[in-house]
Amino acid sequence: MRLTQKLSQPIRSEADVEQRSAQETISRRSGNLSGRPDLPIELQHLSDISSNRVGPQRYPATTPTVAGPQQLPQAASRASGSRSPPALDASGPGKSIRRDIRGNPVKATQSESSWGTHTWKELSPAHRSLIVQFVDEILETAVQCKTEYDFDNTFVYLNKPIQDYSSAIEACQIWRRDFSKSELSLAEVSVDLCQCVGSDTYGFRMIWDFIDKFNCVGNDELGDVARGRSFFRDRGRQDVPDSEVRSESAENTHAGIAEGIYRTPSTENFFNQTVPHSKSHMRGALNSETYKSFSQSGTPFINGVSGFMQQIAMHMELDGLYEEAPQPERDRRETIIVLLAAAMVACGNHGLMDAILPAKTYGYFPDVPEPLTGHGGYDRSIQALVAHLRKIGLPTERLIRTPPTRKVVSHN
């Protein structure tokens, strides 16, 4: 079971903590991360700190920045709250793409949404066990980080009160105990698990934010592998004004990233309870080169690349570099990443490529080309990803086939 590398052994009690040498504590404070404008905002607050949990020293080569397109699709220029009918938008020679109210290709959002719900509704017992084990490992790591923080909180910066993180850990532990006793059907259990890892209903994503604060200490170079990319420096997104957020769309039992009028039957009333969808609170920034790159390549843009998935990929890299891992371990990690990506699509928080791109910066999915490469980039990337998923035993059919559109009148 994974343990934070800063802890050589699991901490079982306060007495165990007190027995650690003073020299171990002092050794955490020899670095200096201040004055680094290229670091993520979380790390810019850290000063004169380091950690025993320093990760690998060899990193994937930095990939070149992809320039964004020069023209913005007309459909994307519609205001978020507009009810104007979606337009056909030119996307390459002789081609056109129907875009939704957010400027995203309708077929792509439908296919990703249908695939995400199908992946979790039909989750195999082996994959269900893999994700449950992953949740257990993360909960154990979070508890260890909390114990470490209680012992010495001078080496890590938190952007929320420790009580908030403690509450998230407790909430997820309660969910985990109830999950073990659940009398739901296997399909309902899978949907509940999807909601846990794909949204912050049970505190799972806040727990990741807490663990990431420890992972970042002393590992700024590893973080910069992803955070230094253009799509992280320019996230391409902006808040939707509160007056334009539709409450019936922001939280409901439906799944996916498709606009309400294009929602397919398999995504309706998917969850057992209402789930918040962050897609309703964010939209693309029209002057952003990152957003333009998504739009021109035909890649759905929901919240931009996922910082949550970057945290997960970096966490995995601290267990050992992907490029040095044996094939079964590579497959295991990529399976977890894809299942979490499907959960975030189902929960309406990210598009598939939003979730895959951060992992690719660390070398994952090496045979899948990056999608933000101009006209047709998304289609080429999806085709390669489908082939890759088939190799590691994950469902793909609904990711390619465009499901039928259900005619409804609501934009929820």
Foldseek 3Di string as FASTA:
>chain_A
DDAQQLDVDFDDDVVSVVPDDPVQVVVQQQDAQEPDVLFPPQSNPFGRGFTSLAFDPDFDDADDAAWFDDDFWPLQPAALQDPDQWDWTDFDPPDTFTADNQLAGQLQQQLLQLQLLVQLLPPDPVLVVLLLVVLVVLLSNLVRLLSVCVSPVPRFDDPDPVVVLVQLSVLLVVVNVCLVVDPDDSSQSSLVSLLVLQACPSNPLVSLVSSLRVLCGNHRVLLCLQCVHLCNVFVQKDWRPPVSQDPPVQKDQFWFQHWPQQHDPSRPNSHPGIAGACLSTMGGDRPTSSNSLCNNLSHDFRRGADPSLLSLLSVVCRVPQLVPDPPVVLLSSVSNQQSSLSSNRGRNHGGNLSSVVSNVSSPRLVQADRQSNGRNSVVSRLVSVLVVCVVSPGDDPSSPDRDDGDGDDDRD
